[in-house]
Amino acid sequence: MSQTMTGQIVSFPRLRDDTMWAVVAQVGRVSRIAELFPSRDAALADRAWREAEVRAHAGFLRGCKQPAPRYSVAPMRRADLPKGWKPLPALGFLRGQFI
């Protein structure tokens, strides 16, 4: 006769969720991860700040003949980050080129 496990609590080890929220900058077909956040709300706030910076510097971008980056928010696993990744500046470029 086999024994059954009724009324017992079975615990499973908790898997670590490494999902982060990325603010992604895109210029043309090139996209870069601008910043990472632990929550979607924080990523949305950063995206709004970056979009405001682009609007505030629109004349500067036109004068430098730099296209304005577009920003989006997407989930991303830390394991999928490119090696050597670093956050982008607000306008998405340094030294005259999109990073």
Protein backbone atom coordinates (compact mmCIF):
# COMPACT_ATOMS: atom_id res chain seq x y z
CA MET A 1 0.00 0.00 0.00
CA SER A 2 1.45 3.40 -1.01
CA GLN A 3 1.50 6.42 1.25
CA THR A 4 0.08 9.73 0.05
CA MET A 5 1.14 13.19 1.18
CA THR A 6 -2.03 14.98 2.15
CA GLY A 7 -2.19 18.05 4.31
CA GLN A 8 1.54 18.73 4.08
CA ILE A 9 3.03 21.96 2.80
CA VAL A 10 5.71 21.53 0.20
CA SER A 11 8.03 24.47 -0.36
CA PHE A 12 9.91 25.05 -3.57
CA PRO A 13 13.06 27.14 -3.77
CA ARG A 14 12.30 30.63 -5.05
CA LEU A 15 13.84 31.40 -8.39
CA ARG A 16 15.63 34.73 -8.60
CA ASP A 17 13.89 37.03 -11.04
CA ASP A 18 16.53 39.12 -12.79
CA THR A 19 14.06 41.06 -14.92
CA MET A 20 14.78 44.78 -15.01
CA TRP A 21 13.11 47.61 -16.93
CA ALA A 22 15.21 49.22 -19.64
CA VAL A 23 14.83 52.66 -21.14
CA VAL A 24 15.85 52.14 -24.76
CA ALA A 25 17.08 55.01 -26.98
CA GLN A 26 16.66 54.65 -30.73
CA VAL A 27 18.02 56.74 -33.58
CA GLY A 28 17.11 55.33 -36.97
CA ARG A 29 17.81 51.61 -36.89
CA VAL A 30 20.34 51.86 -34.06
CA SER A 31 19.10 51.27 -30.53
CA ARG A 32 20.95 51.38 -27.22
CA ILE A 33 19.95 50.72 -23.64
CA ALA A 34 19.98 54.13 -22.01
CA GLU A 35 19.35 53.04 -18.40
CA LEU A 36 18.07 50.15 -16.27
CA PHE A 37 15.61 50.25 -13.39
CA PRO A 38 14.14 47.70 -10.97
CA SER A 39 10.57 48.92 -11.58
CA ARG A 40 8.55 49.90 -14.63
CA ASP A 41 7.38 53.11 -12.93
CA ALA A 42 10.98 54.25 -12.43
CA ALA A 43 11.78 53.48 -16.06
CA LEU A 44 8.72 55.41 -17.26
CA ALA A 45 9.77 58.40 -15.13
CA ASP A 46 13.28 58.31 -16.60
CA ARG A 47 11.86 58.06 -20.13
CA ALA A 48 9.68 61.12 -19.47
CA TRP A 49 12.72 63.04 -18.15
CA ARG A 50 14.81 62.08 -21.20
CA GLU A 51 12.02 63.10 -23.59
CA ALA A 52 11.74 66.45 -21.80
CA GLU A 53 15.52 66.97 -22.15
CA VAL A 54 15.32 66.24 -25.88
CA ARG A 55 12.45 68.75 -26.26
CA ALA A 56 14.37 71.36 -24.24
CA HIS A 57 17.45 70.93 -26.45
CA ALA A 58 15.67 70.54 -29.80
CA GLY A 59 17.30 73.67 -31.23
CA PHE A 60 20.74 72.47 -30.15
CA LEU A 61 20.16 69.07 -31.75
CA ARG A 62 19.05 70.70 -35.01
CA GLY A 63 22.06 73.02 -34.98
CA CYS A 64 24.42 70.07 -34.50
CA LYS A 65 22.56 68.13 -37.18
CA GLN A 66 21.94 65.35 -34.67
CA PRO A 67 18.70 63.37 -34.95
CA ALA A 68 16.67 63.33 -31.75
CA PRO A 69 16.57 59.94 -30.04
CA ARG A 70 13.22 58.26 -29.39
CA TYR A 71 12.76 56.47 -26.08
CA SER A 72 10.79 53.40 -25.10
CA VAL A 73 10.55 51.13 -22.05
CA ALA A 74 10.95 47.35 -22.25
CA PRO A 75 11.58 44.48 -19.83
CA MET A 76 15.10 43.06 -19.95
CA ARG A 77 17.02 40.41 -18.11
CA ARG A 78 20.35 41.42 -16.65
CA ALA A 79 21.90 38.42 -18.44
CA ASP A 80 20.89 39.96 -21.80
CA LEU A 81 22.83 43.19 -21.23
CA PRO A 82 25.69 43.75 -23.67
CA LYS A 83 29.11 43.22 -22.10
CA GLY A 84 30.58 46.49 -20.89
CA TRP A 85 27.21 48.30 -20.97
CA LYS A 86 27.14 51.84 -19.54
CA PRO A 87 24.22 54.27 -19.18
CA LEU A 88 23.66 56.86 -21.91
CA PRO A 89 23.57 60.62 -21.36
CA ALA A 90 20.14 62.26 -21.62
CA LEU A 91 20.47 63.33 -25.25
CA GLY A 92 21.91 59.96 -26.27
CA PHE A 93 25.22 61.06 -27.73
CA LEU A 94 28.69 62.21 -26.74
CA ARG A 95 31.39 63.79 -28.88
CA GLY A 96 29.02 64.21 -31.80
CA GLN A 97 27.97 60.58 -32.24
CA PHE A 98 25.13 58.45 -31.00
CA ILE A 99 26.41 55.97 -28.47
